Amino acid sequence: MKTPKGKVMIIGGAEEREGRQVPALQEENEDAIPFSILKEILPVSKNKKPIKVLLTALKEPDDAGKTYRDTFIKLGFSNAEVINLNSRKMASDPGMVKDIEASLFFSGGNQLRLIQTILQNPTCVGIGLGEDTALIVSKGNIMKCIGSGMVIVIDGSQIRYTNILSADLDSPLSVEGSVVHILAKGNGYKLRERQYIPEVK
């Protein structure tokens, strides 16, 4: 497979952008740096292809889209394209992230739902992102954690037993062999190899 040249950034939310300034973030996390997450995705040349911002699970996507466009303009990059993924059909379009080989599931605060999804799809990788935290995916394989929070990575490929298929809807779940990694700033993960990286260069 041809190695992708671009990058994909997966954001957990609450990162600094227009309308959400540093003072408010610093009250919540003293390690927050001005626009640190969104700056990471800016191309070296500001005349290259546009940045595509994919919005998911938002009540007011139009407002969010304007906020991101305004933020990138403030950072000196006006070529940002906002796409509202307002249906499962759009979100499953392979053209959106066609160069990422592994199947991924993303989750915010509901880690139980993330675990349930991986138990039902053990060949996939589950990713739970904290606020003011993001993953940068490069070369279609290497993920790097940035920001002030943490990322949970769940690998179901080594699961030996789970009761997910026989358990009732409200019954507790059990699993043996699930691998869980927790990433902080600078840590990484290789999707194809299912390998934790202590430090991404």
Protein backbone atom coordinates (compact mmCIF):
# COMPACT_ATOMS: atom_id res chain seq x y z
CA MET A 1 0.00 0.00 0.00
CA LYS A 2 1.21 3.49 -0.81
CA THR A 3 2.23 5.43 2.30
CA PRO A 4 -0.06 8.46 2.81
CA LYS A 5 1.63 11.86 2.77
CA GLY A 6 -0.92 13.78 4.80
CA LYS A 7 -1.89 13.70 8.47
CA VAL A 8 -5.13 13.11 10.36
CA MET A 9 -5.72 14.81 13.72
CA ILE A 10 -8.30 13.30 16.08
CA ILE A 11 -9.33 15.81 18.77
CA GLY A 12 -11.01 14.92 22.06
CA GLY A 13 -12.65 18.34 22.33
CA ALA A 14 -12.32 21.44 24.51
CA GLU A 15 -9.02 22.40 22.85
CA GLU A 16 -8.33 26.12 22.68
CA ARG A 17 -9.91 27.87 19.70
CA GLU A 18 -11.69 31.14 19.03
CA GLY A 19 -14.27 31.63 21.78
CA ARG A 20 -12.41 29.34 24.17
CA GLN A 21 -9.35 31.23 25.29
CA VAL A 22 -6.30 30.24 27.31
CA PRO A 23 -7.33 31.78 30.68
CA ALA A 24 -10.37 29.50 30.85
CA LEU A 25 -8.29 26.47 29.91
CA GLN A 26 -5.53 27.32 32.38
CA GLU A 27 -8.03 27.32 35.21
CA GLU A 28 -8.80 23.70 34.28
CA ASN A 29 -5.27 22.62 33.34
CA GLU A 30 -2.14 24.62 34.07
CA ASP A 31 -0.25 22.75 31.31
CA ALA A 32 -2.49 24.14 28.54
CA ILE A 33 -0.56 26.02 25.83
CA PRO A 34 -2.18 28.62 23.50
CA PHE A 35 -3.57 26.89 20.39
CA SER A 36 -1.03 24.08 20.90
CA ILE A 37 -3.24 21.38 19.39
CA LEU A 38 -4.51 23.16 16.28
CA LYS A 39 -1.05 24.56 15.50
CA GLU A 40 0.23 21.01 15.12
CA ILE A 41 -1.87 20.34 12.02
CA LEU A 42 -0.85 23.47 10.12
CA PRO A 43 1.14 22.66 6.95
CA VAL A 44 4.64 24.06 6.51
CA SER A 45 3.47 26.02 3.46
CA LYS A 46 0.22 27.93 3.92
CA ASN A 47 -0.49 27.72 0.17
CA LYS A 48 -0.86 23.93 0.08
CA LYS A 49 -4.03 21.83 0.10
CA PRO A 50 -6.76 22.80 2.58
CA ILE A 51 -7.12 21.44 6.07
CA LYS A 52 -10.31 19.38 6.29
CA VAL A 53 -12.16 19.69 9.60
CA LEU A 54 -14.60 16.78 10.10
CA LEU A 55 -17.31 17.62 12.64
CA THR A 56 -19.08 14.78 14.46
CA ALA A 57 -21.80 14.56 17.12
CA LEU A 58 -22.33 18.32 17.47
CA LYS A 59 -25.63 20.03 18.30
CA GLU A 60 -24.59 23.25 16.55
CA PRO A 61 -22.22 22.26 13.73
CA ASP A 62 -22.56 25.58 11.88
CA ASP A 63 -21.30 27.53 14.88
CA ALA A 64 -18.49 25.03 15.43
CA GLY A 65 -17.49 25.21 11.78
CA LYS A 66 -17.28 29.00 11.89
CA THR A 67 -15.24 28.81 15.09
CA TYR A 68 -12.66 26.51 13.49
CA ARG A 69 -12.43 28.61 10.33
CA ASP A 70 -11.96 31.77 12.42
CA THR A 71 -9.30 30.03 14.51
CA PHE A 72 -7.25 28.91 11.52
CA ILE A 73 -7.50 32.39 10.03
CA LYS A 74 -6.15 33.78 13.31
CA LEU A 75 -3.27 31.32 13.01
CA GLY A 76 -2.56 32.63 9.50
CA PHE A 77 -4.16 29.81 7.50
CA SER A 78 -7.35 30.69 5.61
CA ASN A 79 -7.71 27.50 3.54
CA ALA A 80 -9.74 25.36 5.97
CA GLU A 81 -12.65 23.24 4.75
CA VAL A 82 -15.33 22.20 7.27
CA ILE A 83 -17.35 19.01 6.68
CA ASN A 84 -20.28 18.12 8.94
CA LEU A 85 -20.55 14.33 9.29
CA ASN A 86 -24.22 14.34 10.20
CA SER A 87 -25.02 10.73 9.33
CA ARG A 88 -23.50 7.27 9.68
CA LYS A 89 -23.40 7.00 5.89
CA MET A 90 -21.14 10.04 5.64
CA ALA A 91 -18.97 8.91 8.55
CA SER A 92 -18.41 5.50 6.95
CA ASP A 93 -17.35 6.99 3.61
CA PRO A 94 -13.90 5.45 2.94
CA GLY A 95 -12.86 8.61 1.12
CA MET A 96 -12.82 10.56 4.39
CA VAL A 97 -9.88 8.68 5.93
CA LYS A 98 -9.08 6.22 3.15
CA ASP A 99 -5.35 6.13 3.89
CA ILE A 100 -5.70 4.81 7.44
CA GLU A 101 -5.47 1.02 7.27
CA ALA A 102 -6.77 -0.03 10.68
CA SER A 103 -10.42 0.16 11.72
CA LEU A 104 -10.90 2.69 14.50
CA PHE A 105 -13.65 3.59 16.96
CA PHE A 106 -13.56 6.89 18.81
CA SER A 107 -15.21 7.84 22.06
CA GLY A 108 -15.29 10.78 24.43
CA GLY A 109 -16.41 10.31 28.02
CA ASN A 110 -18.29 7.00 27.73
CA GLN A 111 -15.49 4.45 28.01
CA LEU A 112 -17.94 1.59 28.69
CA ARG A 113 -19.46 2.09 25.25
CA LEU A 114 -15.96 2.03 23.77
CA ILE A 115 -15.19 -1.28 25.49
CA GLN A 116 -18.49 -2.79 24.35
CA THR A 117 -17.73 -1.80 20.76
CA ILE A 118 -14.30 -3.44 20.85
CA LEU A 119 -15.70 -6.62 22.43
CA GLN A 120 -18.07 -6.87 19.48
CA ASN A 121 -15.34 -5.92 16.97
CA PRO A 122 -12.11 -7.39 18.42
CA THR A 123 -10.05 -6.80 15.27
CA CYS A 124 -10.45 -3.06 15.71
CA VAL A 125 -8.60 -0.52 17.85
CA GLY A 126 -10.63 1.58 20.30
CA ILE A 127 -9.58 5.13 21.10
CA GLY A 128 -10.92 7.25 23.98
CA LEU A 129 -9.73 10.86 23.94
CA GLY A 130 -9.63 13.26 26.87
CA GLU A 131 -10.38 16.97 26.59
CA ASP A 132 -7.66 19.31 25.28
CA THR A 133 -5.97 16.22 23.87
CA ALA A 134 -5.47 14.89 20.34
CA LEU A 135 -3.81 12.20 18.27
CA ILE A 136 -1.89 12.95 15.10
CA VAL A 137 -1.91 10.03 12.65
CA SER A 138 0.96 10.09 10.15
CA LYS A 139 2.03 7.65 7.41
CA GLY A 140 -1.35 5.96 7.88
CA ASN A 141 0.03 4.13 10.90
CA ILE A 142 1.85 6.12 13.61
CA MET A 143 -0.24 7.98 16.18
CA LYS A 144 1.26 10.64 18.46
CA CYS A 145 -0.49 12.04 21.53
CA ILE A 146 -0.41 15.81 22.07
CA GLY A 147 -2.16 18.16 24.49
CA SER A 148 -2.56 18.23 28.24
CA GLY A 149 -4.72 15.14 28.81
CA MET A 150 -4.63 11.39 28.13
CA VAL A 151 -5.73 8.95 25.44
CA ILE A 152 -6.93 5.40 26.10
CA VAL A 153 -6.13 2.81 23.41
CA ILE A 154 -7.90 -0.57 23.56
CA ASP A 155 -6.62 -3.48 21.44
CA GLY A 156 -9.06 -6.38 21.21
CA SER A 157 -6.98 -8.58 18.92
CA GLN A 158 -5.75 -10.77 21.80
CA ILE A 159 -9.10 -11.29 23.52
CA ARG A 160 -9.45 -14.94 24.58
CA TYR A 161 -12.86 -14.80 26.23
CA THR A 162 -15.80 -12.45 26.64
CA ASN A 163 -19.45 -12.91 27.58
CA ILE A 164 -20.61 -10.07 25.29
CA LEU A 165 -22.68 -12.39 23.07
CA SER A 166 -24.52 -14.17 25.89
CA ALA A 167 -24.92 -11.31 28.39
CA ASP A 168 -28.25 -9.55 28.83
CA LEU A 169 -28.49 -5.83 28.06
CA ASP A 170 -28.08 -4.79 31.70
CA SER A 171 -25.70 -7.57 32.75
CA PRO A 172 -22.06 -6.85 33.63
CA LEU A 173 -19.48 -7.74 31.01
CA SER A 174 -16.35 -9.83 31.43
CA VAL A 175 -13.29 -10.09 29.20
CA GLU A 176 -9.91 -11.83 29.23
CA GLY A 177 -6.93 -10.71 27.17
CA SER A 178 -7.91 -7.16 26.24
CA VAL A 179 -4.84 -4.90 26.00
CA VAL A 180 -5.17 -1.32 27.26
CA HIS A 181 -2.61 1.47 26.76
CA ILE A 182 -2.76 4.99 28.21
CA LEU A 183 -0.98 7.70 26.24
CA ALA A 184 0.14 11.12 27.45
CA LYS A 185 1.88 13.92 25.58
CA GLY A 186 4.72 12.55 23.44
CA ASN A 187 3.65 8.88 23.66
CA GLY A 188 2.55 7.08 20.54
CA TYR A 189 1.05 3.93 19.06
CA LYS A 190 1.60 1.96 15.84
CA LEU A 191 -1.73 0.83 14.42
CA ARG A 192 -0.50 -1.96 12.15
CA GLU A 193 1.88 -3.44 14.71
CA ARG A 194 -0.44 -2.75 17.67
CA GLN A 195 2.61 -1.40 19.50
CA TYR A 196 2.99 1.29 22.21
CA ILE A 197 5.73 3.88 21.57
CA PRO A 198 7.25 5.57 24.66
CA GLU A 199 8.32 8.63 22.65
CA VAL A 200 7.47 9.62 19.08
CA LYS A 201 10.31 11.51 17.43
